[in-house]
Amino acid sequence: RPSLRLTEQFPLTAIPTDTVKAVKDAGLVERIDYRPSRERELL
């Protein structure tokens, strides 16, 4: 989607948590699903 301007927000660092937030703020996310780790499932 060329109209997006996502990379402009990260001139110095691009930490994954921040980029996920940028994608959400851009209105791209329509649903979120969670998959726990095996360890968390067992606990």
ModelCIF file with pLDDT and N, C-alpha, C, O atoms, coordinates in Angstrom:
data_MODEL
#
_entry.id   MODEL 
#
_entity.id                         1 
_entity.type                       polymer 
_entity.pdbx_number_of_molecules   1 
#
_entity_poly.entity_id                      1 
_entity_poly.type                           'polypeptide(L)' 
_entity_poly.nstd_linkage                   no 
_entity_poly.nstd_monomer                   no 
_entity_poly.pdbx_seq_one_letter_code       RPSLRLTEQFPLTAIPTDTVKAVKDAGLVERIDYRPSRERELL 
_entity_poly.pdbx_seq_one_letter_code_can   RPSLRLTEQFPLTAIPTDTVKAVKDAGLVERIDYRPSRERELL 
_entity_poly.pdbx_strand_id                 A 
#
loop_
_entity_poly_seq.entity_id 
_entity_poly_seq.num 
_entity_poly_seq.mon_id 
_entity_poly_seq.hetero 
1 1  ARG n 
1 2  PRO n 
1 3  SER n 
1 4  LEU n 
1 5  ARG n 
1 6  LEU n 
1 7  THR n 
1 8  GLU n 
1 9  GLN n 
1 10 PHE n 
1 11 PRO n 
1 12 LEU n 
1 13 THR n 
1 14 ALA n 
1 15 ILE n 
1 16 PRO n 
1 17 THR n 
1 18 ASP n 
1 19 THR n 
1 20 VAL n 
1 21 LYS n 
1 22 ALA n 
1 23 VAL n 
1 24 LYS n 
1 25 ASP n 
1 26 ALA n 
1 27 GLY n 
1 28 LEU n 
1 29 VAL n 
1 30 GLU n 
1 31 ARG n 
1 32 ILE n 
1 33 ASP n 
1 34 TYR n 
1 35 ARG n 
1 36 PRO n 
1 37 SER n 
1 38 ARG n 
1 39 GLU n 
1 40 ARG n 
1 41 GLU n 
1 42 LEU n 
1 43 LEU n 
#
_struct_asym.id          A 
_struct_asym.entity_id   1 
#
loop_
_ma_qa_metric.id 
_ma_qa_metric.mode 
_ma_qa_metric.name 
_ma_qa_metric.software_group_id 
_ma_qa_metric.type 
1 global pLDDT . pLDDT 
2 local  pLDDT . pLDDT 
#
_ma_qa_metric_global.metric_id      1 
_ma_qa_metric_global.metric_value   84.58 
_ma_qa_metric_global.model_id       1 
_ma_qa_metric_global.ordinal_id     1 
#
loop_
_ma_qa_metric_local.label_asym_id 
_ma_qa_metric_local.label_comp_id 
_ma_qa_metric_local.label_seq_id 
_ma_qa_metric_local.metric_id 
_ma_qa_metric_local.metric_value 
_ma_qa_metric_local.model_id 
_ma_qa_metric_local.ordinal_id 
A ARG 1  2 97.00 1 1  
A PRO 2  2 94.00 1 2  
A SER 3  2 94.00 1 3  
A LEU 4  2 95.00 1 4  
A ARG 5  2 92.00 1 5  
A LEU 6  2 93.00 1 6  
A THR 7  2 91.00 1 7  
A GLU 8  2 90.00 1 8  
A GLN 9  2 89.00 1 9  
A PHE 10 2 86.00 1 10 
A PRO 11 2 80.00 1 11 
A LEU 12 2 70.00 1 12 
A THR 13 2 73.00 1 13 
A ALA 14 2 77.00 1 14 
A ILE 15 2 83.00 1 15 
A PRO 16 2 85.00 1 16 
A THR 17 2 86.00 1 17 
A ASP 18 2 88.00 1 18 
A THR 19 2 89.00 1 19 
A VAL 20 2 92.00 1 20 
A LYS 21 2 93.00 1 21 
A ALA 22 2 94.00 1 22 
A VAL 23 2 95.00 1 23 
A LYS 24 2 96.00 1 24 
A ASP 25 2 96.00 1 25 
A ALA 26 2 96.00 1 26 
A GLY 27 2 96.00 1 27 
A LEU 28 2 97.00 1 28 
A VAL 29 2 97.00 1 29 
A GLU 30 2 96.00 1 30 
A ARG 31 2 95.00 1 31 
A ILE 32 2 95.00 1 32 
A ASP 33 2 93.00 1 33 
A TYR 34 2 90.00 1 34 
A ARG 35 2 84.00 1 35 
A PRO 36 2 82.00 1 36 
A SER 37 2 67.00 1 37 
A ARG 38 2 59.00 1 38 
A GLU 39 2 57.00 1 39 
A ARG 40 2 57.00 1 40 
A GLU 41 2 54.00 1 41 
A LEU 42 2 51.00 1 42 
A LEU 43 2 53.00 1 43 
#
loop_
_atom_site.group_PDB 
_atom_site.id 
_atom_site.type_symbol 
_atom_site.label_atom_id 
_atom_site.label_alt_id 
_atom_site.label_comp_id 
_atom_site.label_asym_id 
_atom_site.label_entity_id 
_atom_site.label_seq_id 
_atom_site.pdbx_PDB_ins_code 
_atom_site.Cartn_x 
_atom_site.Cartn_y 
_atom_site.Cartn_z 
_atom_site.occupancy 
_atom_site.B_iso_or_equiv 
_atom_site.pdbx_formal_charge 
_atom_site.auth_seq_id 
_atom_site.auth_comp_id 
_atom_site.auth_asym_id 
_atom_site.auth_atom_id 
_atom_site.pdbx_PDB_model_num 
ATOM 1   N N  . ARG A 1 1  ? 0.853  -1.188  0.000  1.00 97.00 ? 1  ARG A N  1 
ATOM 2   C CA . ARG A 1 1  ? 0.000  0.000   0.000  1.00 97.00 ? 1  ARG A CA 1 
ATOM 3   C C  . ARG A 1 1  ? 0.895  1.245   0.000  1.00 97.00 ? 1  ARG A C  1 
ATOM 4   O O  . ARG A 1 1  ? 1.267  1.732   1.068  1.00 97.00 ? 1  ARG A O  1 
ATOM 5   N N  . PRO A 1 2  ? 1.239  1.761   -1.171 1.00 94.00 ? 2  PRO A N  1 
ATOM 6   C CA . PRO A 1 2  ? 2.212  2.859   -1.267 1.00 94.00 ? 2  PRO A CA 1 
ATOM 7   C C  . PRO A 1 2  ? 1.818  4.140   -0.545 1.00 94.00 ? 2  PRO A C  1 
ATOM 8   O O  . PRO A 1 2  ? 2.675  4.990   -0.302 1.00 94.00 ? 2  PRO A O  1 
ATOM 9   N N  . SER A 1 3  ? 0.553  4.301   -0.197 1.00 94.00 ? 3  SER A N  1 
ATOM 10  C CA . SER A 1 3  ? 0.137  5.517   0.505  1.00 94.00 ? 3  SER A CA 1 
ATOM 11  C C  . SER A 1 3  ? 0.605  5.533   1.960  1.00 94.00 ? 3  SER A C  1 
ATOM 12  O O  . SER A 1 3  ? 0.552  6.575   2.613  1.00 94.00 ? 3  SER A O  1 
ATOM 13  N N  . LEU A 1 4  ? 1.064  4.384   2.477  1.00 95.00 ? 4  LEU A N  1 
ATOM 14  C CA . LEU A 1 4  ? 1.540  4.322   3.857  1.00 95.00 ? 4  LEU A CA 1 
ATOM 15  C C  . LEU A 1 4  ? 2.866  5.067   3.987  1.00 95.00 ? 4  LEU A C  1 
ATOM 16  O O  . LEU A 1 4  ? 3.651  5.125   3.040  1.00 95.00 ? 4  LEU A O  1 
ATOM 17  N N  . ARG A 1 5  ? 3.102  5.624   5.142  1.00 92.00 ? 5  ARG A N  1 
ATOM 18  C CA . ARG A 1 5  ? 4.354  6.329   5.439  1.00 92.00 ? 5  ARG A CA 1 
ATOM 19  C C  . ARG A 1 5  ? 4.922  5.798   6.753  1.00 92.00 ? 5  ARG A C  1 
ATOM 20  O O  . ARG A 1 5  ? 5.111  6.546   7.712  1.00 92.00 ? 5  ARG A O  1 
ATOM 21  N N  . LEU A 1 6  ? 5.187  4.500   6.779  1.00 93.00 ? 6  LEU A N  1 
ATOM 22  C CA . LEU A 1 6  ? 5.588  3.844   8.014  1.00 93.00 ? 6  LEU A CA 1 
ATOM 23  C C  . LEU A 1 6  ? 7.064  4.044   8.342  1.00 93.00 ? 6  LEU A C  1 
ATOM 24  O O  . LEU A 1 6  ? 7.414  4.314   9.491  1.00 93.00 ? 6  LEU A O  1 
ATOM 25  N N  . THR A 1 7  ? 7.928  3.912   7.341  1.00 91.00 ? 7  THR A N  1 
ATOM 26  C CA . THR A 1 7  ? 9.368  3.969   7.612  1.00 91.00 ? 7  THR A CA 1 
ATOM 27  C C  . THR A 1 7  ? 9.820  5.368   8.006  1.00 91.00 ? 7  THR A C  1 
ATOM 28  O O  . THR A 1 7  ? 10.838 5.515   8.682  1.00 91.00 ? 7  THR A O  1 
ATOM 29  N N  . GLU A 1 8  ? 9.085  6.399   7.599  1.00 90.00 ? 8  GLU A N  1 
ATOM 30  C CA . GLU A 1 8  ? 9.473  7.766   7.942  1.00 90.00 ? 8  GLU A CA 1 
ATOM 31  C C  . GLU A 1 8  ? 9.473  8.005   9.445  1.00 90.00 ? 8  GLU A C  1 
ATOM 32  O O  . GLU A 1 8  ? 10.116 8.939   9.925  1.00 90.00 ? 8  GLU A O  1 
ATOM 33  N N  . GLN A 1 9  ? 8.760  7.171   10.190 1.00 89.00 ? 9  GLN A N  1 
ATOM 34  C CA . GLN A 1 9  ? 8.666  7.347   11.635 1.00 89.00 ? 9  GLN A CA 1 
ATOM 35  C C  . GLN A 1 9  ? 9.892  6.810   12.376 1.00 89.00 ? 9  GLN A C  1 
ATOM 36  O O  . GLN A 1 9  ? 10.007 6.984   13.589 1.00 89.00 ? 9  GLN A O  1 
ATOM 37  N N  . PHE A 1 10 ? 10.816 6.151   11.647 1.00 86.00 ? 10 PHE A N  1 
ATOM 38  C CA . PHE A 1 10 ? 11.940 5.492   12.304 1.00 86.00 ? 10 PHE A CA 1 
ATOM 39  C C  . PHE A 1 10 ? 13.258 5.874   11.638 1.00 86.00 ? 10 PHE A C  1 
ATOM 40  O O  . PHE A 1 10 ? 13.896 5.037   11.001 1.00 86.00 ? 10 PHE A O  1 
ATOM 41  N N  . PRO A 1 11 ? 13.671 7.140   11.783 1.00 80.00 ? 11 PRO A N  1 
ATOM 42  C CA . PRO A 1 11 ? 14.914 7.584   11.151 1.00 80.00 ? 11 PRO A CA 1 
ATOM 43  C C  . PRO A 1 11 ? 16.170 7.041   11.840 1.00 80.00 ? 11 PRO A C  1 
ATOM 44  O O  . PRO A 1 11 ? 17.228 6.954   11.217 1.00 80.00 ? 11 PRO A O  1 
ATOM 45  N N  . LEU A 1 12 ? 16.058 6.674   13.125 1.00 70.00 ? 12 LEU A N  1 
ATOM 46  C CA . LEU A 1 12 ? 17.244 6.245   13.871 1.00 70.00 ? 12 LEU A CA 1 
ATOM 47  C C  . LEU A 1 12 ? 17.173 4.782   14.305 1.00 70.00 ? 12 LEU A C  1 
ATOM 48  O O  . LEU A 1 12 ? 18.095 4.013   14.031 1.00 70.00 ? 12 LEU A O  1 
ATOM 49  N N  . THR A 1 13 ? 16.101 4.392   14.971 1.00 73.00 ? 13 THR A N  1 
ATOM 50  C CA . THR A 1 13 ? 15.955 3.012   15.436 1.00 73.00 ? 13 THR A CA 1 
ATOM 51  C C  . THR A 1 13 ? 14.582 2.483   15.058 1.00 73.00 ? 13 THR A C  1 
ATOM 52  O O  . THR A 1 13 ? 13.624 3.244   14.919 1.00 73.00 ? 13 THR A O  1 
ATOM 53  N N  . ALA A 1 14 ? 14.499 1.163   14.892 1.00 77.00 ? 14 ALA A N  1 
ATOM 54  C CA . ALA A 1 14 ? 13.227 0.512   14.575 1.00 77.00 ? 14 ALA A CA 1 
ATOM 55  C C  . ALA A 1 14 ? 13.076 -0.695  15.487 1.00 77.00 ? 14 ALA A C  1 
ATOM 56  O O  . ALA A 1 14 ? 13.381 -1.822  15.096 1.00 77.00 ? 14 ALA A O  1 
ATOM 57  N N  . ILE A 1 15 ? 12.603 -0.452  16.709 1.00 83.00 ? 15 ILE A N  1 
ATOM 58  C CA . ILE A 1 15 ? 12.383 -1.519  17.677 1.00 83.00 ? 15 ILE A CA 1 
ATOM 59  C C  . ILE A 1 15 ? 11.062 -2.208  17.340 1.00 83.00 ? 15 ILE A C  1 
ATOM 60  O O  . ILE A 1 15 ? 10.065 -1.526  17.105 1.00 83.00 ? 15 ILE A O  1 
ATOM 61  N N  . PRO A 1 16 ? 11.028 -3.562  17.310 1.00 85.00 ? 16 PRO A N  1 
ATOM 62  C CA . PRO A 1 16 ? 9.804  -4.265  16.900 1.00 85.00 ? 16 PRO A CA 1 
ATOM 63  C C  . PRO A 1 16 ? 8.538  -3.813  17.601 1.00 85.00 ? 16 PRO A C  1 
ATOM 64  O O  . PRO A 1 16 ? 7.502  -3.665  16.953 1.00 85.00 ? 16 PRO A O  1 
ATOM 65  N N  . THR A 1 17 ? 8.591  -3.589  18.914 1.00 86.00 ? 17 THR A N  1 
ATOM 66  C CA . THR A 1 17 ? 7.369  -3.159  19.610 1.00 86.00 ? 17 THR A CA 1 
ATOM 67  C C  . THR A 1 17 ? 6.874  -1.818  19.088 1.00 86.00 ? 17 THR A C  1 
ATOM 68  O O  . THR A 1 17 ? 5.667  -1.599  18.984 1.00 86.00 ? 17 THR A O  1 
ATOM 69  N N  . ASP A 1 18 ? 7.794  -0.923  18.762 1.00 88.00 ? 18 ASP A N  1 
ATOM 70  C CA . ASP A 1 18 ? 7.414  0.389   18.235 1.00 88.00 ? 18 ASP A CA 1 
ATOM 71  C C  . ASP A 1 18 ? 6.834  0.282   16.832 1.00 88.00 ? 18 ASP A C  1 
ATOM 72  O O  . ASP A 1 18 ? 5.893  0.999   16.489 1.00 88.00 ? 18 ASP A O  1 
ATOM 73  N N  . THR A 1 19 ? 7.397  -0.617  16.014 1.00 89.00 ? 19 THR A N  1 
ATOM 74  C CA . THR A 1 19 ? 6.886  -0.768  14.647 1.00 89.00 ? 19 THR A CA 1 
ATOM 75  C C  . THR A 1 19 ? 5.492  -1.407  14.656 1.00 89.00 ? 19 THR A C  1 
ATOM 76  O O  . THR A 1 19 ? 4.644  -1.077  13.827 1.00 89.00 ? 19 THR A O  1 
ATOM 77  N N  . VAL A 1 20 ? 5.267  -2.321  15.598 1.00 92.00 ? 20 VAL A N  1 
ATOM 78  C CA . VAL A 1 20 ? 3.919  -2.892  15.728 1.00 92.00 ? 20 VAL A CA 1 
ATOM 79  C C  . VAL A 1 20 ? 2.920  -1.789  16.078 1.00 92.00 ? 20 VAL A C  1 
ATOM 80  O O  . VAL A 1 20 ? 1.820  -1.745  15.526 1.00 92.00 ? 20 VAL A O  1 
ATOM 81  N N  . LYS A 1 21 ? 3.299  -0.911  16.985 1.00 93.00 ? 21 LYS A N  1 
ATOM 82  C CA . LYS A 1 21 ? 2.426  0.210   17.355 1.00 93.00 ? 21 LYS A CA 1 
ATOM 83  C C  . LYS A 1 21 ? 2.162  1.108   16.147 1.00 93.00 ? 21 LYS A C  1 
ATOM 84  O O  . LYS A 1 21 ? 1.043  1.585   15.962 1.00 93.00 ? 21 LYS A O  1 
ATOM 85  N N  . ALA A 1 22 ? 3.196  1.343   15.318 1.00 94.00 ? 22 ALA A N  1 
ATOM 86  C CA . ALA A 1 22 ? 3.025  2.186   14.136 1.00 94.00 ? 22 ALA A CA 1 
ATOM 87  C C  . ALA A 1 22 ? 2.036  1.557   13.157 1.00 94.00 ? 22 ALA A C  1 
ATOM 88  O O  . ALA A 1 22 ? 1.233  2.261   12.545 1.00 94.00 ? 22 ALA A O  1 
ATOM 89  N N  . VAL A 1 23 ? 2.092  0.243   13.010 1.00 95.00 ? 23 VAL A N  1 
ATOM 90  C CA . VAL A 1 23 ? 1.162  -0.460  12.125 1.00 95.00 ? 23 VAL A CA 1 
ATOM 91  C C  . VAL A 1 23 ? -0.264 -0.345  12.662 1.00 95.00 ? 23 VAL A C  1 
ATOM 92  O O  . VAL A 1 23 ? -1.205 -0.142  11.896 1.00 95.00 ? 23 VAL A O  1 
ATOM 93  N N  . LYS A 1 24 ? -0.418 -0.474  13.970 1.00 96.00 ? 24 LYS A N  1 
ATOM 94  C CA . LYS A 1 24 ? -1.741 -0.320  14.583 1.00 96.00 ? 24 LYS A CA 1 
ATOM 95  C C  . LYS A 1 24 ? -2.247 1.110   14.415 1.00 96.00 ? 24 LYS A C  1 
ATOM 96  O O  . LYS A 1 24 ? -3.409 1.323   14.069 1.00 96.00 ? 24 LYS A O  1 
ATOM 97  N N  . ASP A 1 25 ? -1.375 2.091   14.659 1.00 96.00 ? 25 ASP A N  1 
ATOM 98  C CA . ASP A 1 25 ? -1.783 3.492   14.547 1.00 96.00 ? 25 ASP A CA 1 
ATOM 99  C C  . ASP A 1 25 ? -2.160 3.869   13.116 1.00 96.00 ? 25 ASP A C  1 
ATOM 100 O O  . ASP A 1 25 ? -2.942 4.796   12.900 1.00 96.00 ? 25 ASP A O  1 
ATOM 101 N N  . ALA A 1 26 ? -1.606 3.152   12.142 1.00 96.00 ? 26 ALA A N  1 
ATOM 102 C CA . ALA A 1 26 ? -1.917 3.421   10.737 1.00 96.00 ? 26 ALA A CA 1 
ATOM 103 C C  . ALA A 1 26 ? -3.265 2.839   10.324 1.00 96.00 ? 26 ALA A C  1 
ATOM 104 O O  . ALA A 1 26 ? -3.685 2.985   9.176  1.00 96.00 ? 26 ALA A O  1 
ATOM 105 N N  . GLY A 1 27 ? -3.942 2.178   11.265 1.00 96.00 ? 27 GLY A N  1 
ATOM 106 C CA . GLY A 1 27 ? -5.259 1.621   10.969 1.00 96.00 ? 27 GLY A CA 1 
ATOM 107 C C  . GLY A 1 27 ? -5.219 0.347   10.158 1.00 96.00 ? 27 GLY A C  1 
ATOM 108 O O  . GLY A 1 27 ? -6.190 0.028   9.472  1.00 96.00 ? 27 GLY A O  1 
ATOM 109 N N  . LEU A 1 28 ? -4.103 -0.407  10.217 1.00 97.00 ? 28 LEU A N  1 
ATOM 110 C CA . LEU A 1 28 ? -3.968 -1.612  9.410  1.00 97.00 ? 28 LEU A CA 1 
ATOM 111 C C  . LEU A 1 28 ? -4.492 -2.868  10.095 1.00 97.00 ? 28 LEU A C  1 
ATOM 112 O O  . LEU A 1 28 ? -4.772 -3.863  9.426  1.00 97.00 ? 28 LEU A O  1 
ATOM 113 N N  . VAL A 1 29 ? -4.629 -2.838  11.410 1.00 97.00 ? 29 VAL A N  1 
ATOM 114 C CA . VAL A 1 29 ? -4.969 -4.044  12.169 1.00 97.00 ? 29 VAL A CA 1 
ATOM 115 C C  . VAL A 1 29 ? -6.479 -4.174  12.314 1.00 97.00 ? 29 VAL A C  1 
ATOM 116 O O  . VAL A 1 29 ? -7.157 -3.245  12.753 1.00 97.00 ? 29 VAL A O  1 
ATOM 117 N N  . GLU A 1 30 ? -6.993 -5.341  11.940 1.00 96.00 ? 30 GLU A N  1 
ATOM 118 C CA . GLU A 1 30 ? -8.436 -5.569  12.094 1.00 96.00 ? 30 GLU A CA 1 
ATOM 119 C C  . GLU A 1 30 ? -8.745 -6.630  13.153 1.00 96.00 ? 30 GLU A C  1 
ATOM 120 O O  . GLU A 1 30 ? -9.885 -6.736  13.605 1.00 96.00 ? 30 GLU A O  1 
ATOM 121 N N  . ARG A 1 31 ? -7.723 -7.427  13.557 1.00 95.00 ? 31 ARG A N  1 
ATOM 122 C CA . ARG A 1 31 ? -7.962 -8.422  14.609 1.00 95.00 ? 31 ARG A CA 1 
ATOM 123 C C  . ARG A 1 31 ? -6.628 -8.846  15.204 1.00 95.00 ? 31 ARG A C  1 
ATOM 124 O O  . ARG A 1 31 ? -5.610 -8.862  14.513 1.00 95.00 ? 31 ARG A O  1 
ATOM 125 N N  . ILE A 1 32 ? -6.637 -9.196  16.507 1.00 95.00 ? 32 ILE A N  1 
ATOM 126 C CA . ILE A 1 32 ? -5.429 -9.656  17.178 1.00 95.00 ? 32 ILE A CA 1 
ATOM 127 C C  . ILE A 1 32 ? -5.704 -11.012 17.825 1.00 95.00 ? 32 ILE A C  1 
ATOM 128 O O  . ILE A 1 32 ? -6.687 -11.172 18.548 1.00 95.00 ? 32 ILE A O  1 
ATOM 129 N N  . ASP A 1 33 ? -4.833 -11.988 17.562 1.00 93.00 ? 33 ASP A N  1 
ATOM 130 C CA . ASP A 1 33 ? -4.925 -13.312 18.181 1.00 93.00 ? 33 ASP A CA 1 
ATOM 131 C C  . ASP A 1 33 ? -3.640 -13.579 18.960 1.00 93.00 ? 33 ASP A C  1 
ATOM 132 O O  . ASP A 1 33 ? -2.561 -13.132 18.572 1.00 93.00 ? 33 ASP A O  1 
ATOM 133 N N  . TYR A 1 34 ? -3.770 -14.306 20.053 1.00 90.00 ? 34 TYR A N  1 
ATOM 134 C CA . TYR A 1 34 ? -2.639 -14.587 20.934 1.00 90.00 ? 34 TYR A CA 1 
ATOM 135 C C  . TYR A 1 34 ? -2.358 -16.084 20.958 1.00 90.00 ? 34 TYR A C  1 
ATOM 136 O O  . TYR A 1 34 ? -3.273 -16.891 21.124 1.00 90.00 ? 34 TYR A O  1 
ATOM 137 N N  . ARG A 1 35 ? -1.084 -16.454 20.792 1.00 84.00 ? 35 ARG A N  1 
ATOM 138 C CA . ARG A 1 35 ? -0.659 -17.848 20.889 1.00 84.00 ? 35 ARG A CA 1 
ATOM 139 C C  . ARG A 1 35 ? 0.375  -17.950 22.012 1.00 84.00 ? 35 ARG A C  1 
ATOM 140 O O  . ARG A 1 35 ? 1.500  -17.480 21.844 1.00 84.00 ? 35 ARG A O  1 
ATOM 141 N N  . PRO A 1 36 ? 0.022  -18.554 23.157 1.00 82.00 ? 36 PRO A N  1 
ATOM 142 C CA . PRO A 1 36 ? 0.995  -18.675 24.247 1.00 82.00 ? 36 PRO A CA 1 
ATOM 143 C C  . PRO A 1 36 ? 2.087  -19.681 23.899 1.00 82.00 ? 36 PRO A C  1 
ATOM 144 O O  . PRO A 1 36 ? 1.884  -20.574 23.076 1.00 82.00 ? 36 PRO A O  1 
ATOM 145 N N  . SER A 1 37 ? 3.234  -19.529 24.528 1.00 67.00 ? 37 SER A N  1 
ATOM 146 C CA . SER A 1 37 ? 4.324  -20.478 24.335 1.00 67.00 ? 37 SER A CA 1 
ATOM 147 C C  . SER A 1 37 ? 3.949  -21.822 24.954 1.00 67.00 ? 37 SER A C  1 
ATOM 148 O O  . SER A 1 37 ? 3.017  -21.907 25.753 1.00 67.00 ? 37 SER A O  1 
ATOM 149 N N  . ARG A 1 38 ? 4.685  -22.876 24.576 1.00 59.00 ? 38 ARG A N  1 
ATOM 150 C CA . ARG A 1 38 ? 4.436  -24.198 25.161 1.00 59.00 ? 38 ARG A CA 1 
ATOM 151 C C  . ARG A 1 38 ? 4.604  -24.156 26.679 1.00 59.00 ? 38 ARG A C  1 
ATOM 152 O O  . ARG A 1 38 ? 3.809  -24.736 27.418 1.00 59.00 ? 38 ARG A O  1 
ATOM 153 N N  . GLU A 1 39 ? 5.648  -23.462 27.135 1.00 57.00 ? 39 GLU A N  1 
ATOM 154 C CA . GLU A 1 39 ? 5.904  -23.372 28.566 1.00 57.00 ? 39 GLU A CA 1 
ATOM 155 C C  . GLU A 1 39 ? 4.731  -22.718 29.285 1.00 57.00 ? 39 GLU A C  1 
ATOM 156 O O  . GLU A 1 39 ? 4.302  -23.188 30.339 1.00 57.00 ? 39 GLU A O  1 
ATOM 157 N N  . ARG A 1 40 ? 4.217  -21.638 28.717 1.00 57.00 ? 40 ARG A N  1 
ATOM 158 C CA . ARG A 1 40 ? 3.097  -20.947 29.356 1.00 57.00 ? 40 ARG A CA 1 
ATOM 159 C C  . ARG A 1 40 ? 1.843  -21.815 29.361 1.00 57.00 ? 40 ARG A C  1 
ATOM 160 O O  . ARG A 1 40 ? 1.066  -21.773 30.315 1.00 57.00 ? 40 ARG A O  1 
ATOM 161 N N  . GLU A 1 41 ? 1.639  -22.600 28.307 1.00 54.00 ? 41 GLU A N  1 
ATOM 162 C CA . GLU A 1 41 ? 0.492  -23.514 28.269 1.00 54.00 ? 41 GLU A CA 1 
ATOM 163 C C  . GLU A 1 41 ? 0.590  -24.560 29.373 1.00 54.00 ? 41 GLU A C  1 
ATOM 164 O O  . GLU A 1 41 ? -0.390 -24.848 30.059 1.00 54.00 ? 41 GLU A O  1 
ATOM 165 N N  . LEU A 1 42 ? 1.790  -25.127 29.537 1.00 51.00 ? 42 LEU A N  1 
ATOM 166 C CA . LEU A 1 42 ? 1.982  -26.152 30.560 1.00 51.00 ? 42 LEU A CA 1 
ATOM 167 C C  . LEU A 1 42 ? 1.807  -25.582 31.972 1.00 51.00 ? 42 LEU A C  1 
ATOM 168 O O  . LEU A 1 42 ? 1.199  -26.217 32.834 1.00 51.00 ? 42 LEU A O  1 
ATOM 169 N N  . LEU A 1 43 ? 2.344  -24.381 32.198 1.00 53.00 ? 43 LEU A N  1 
ATOM 170 C CA . LEU A 1 43 ? 2.185  -23.745 33.496 1.00 53.00 ? 43 LEU A CA 1 
ATOM 171 C C  . LEU A 1 43 ? 0.719  -23.458 33.791 1.00 53.00 ? 43 LEU A C  1 
ATOM 172 O O  . LEU A 1 43 ? 0.397  -22.920 34.850 1.00 53.00 ? 43 LEU A O  1 
#
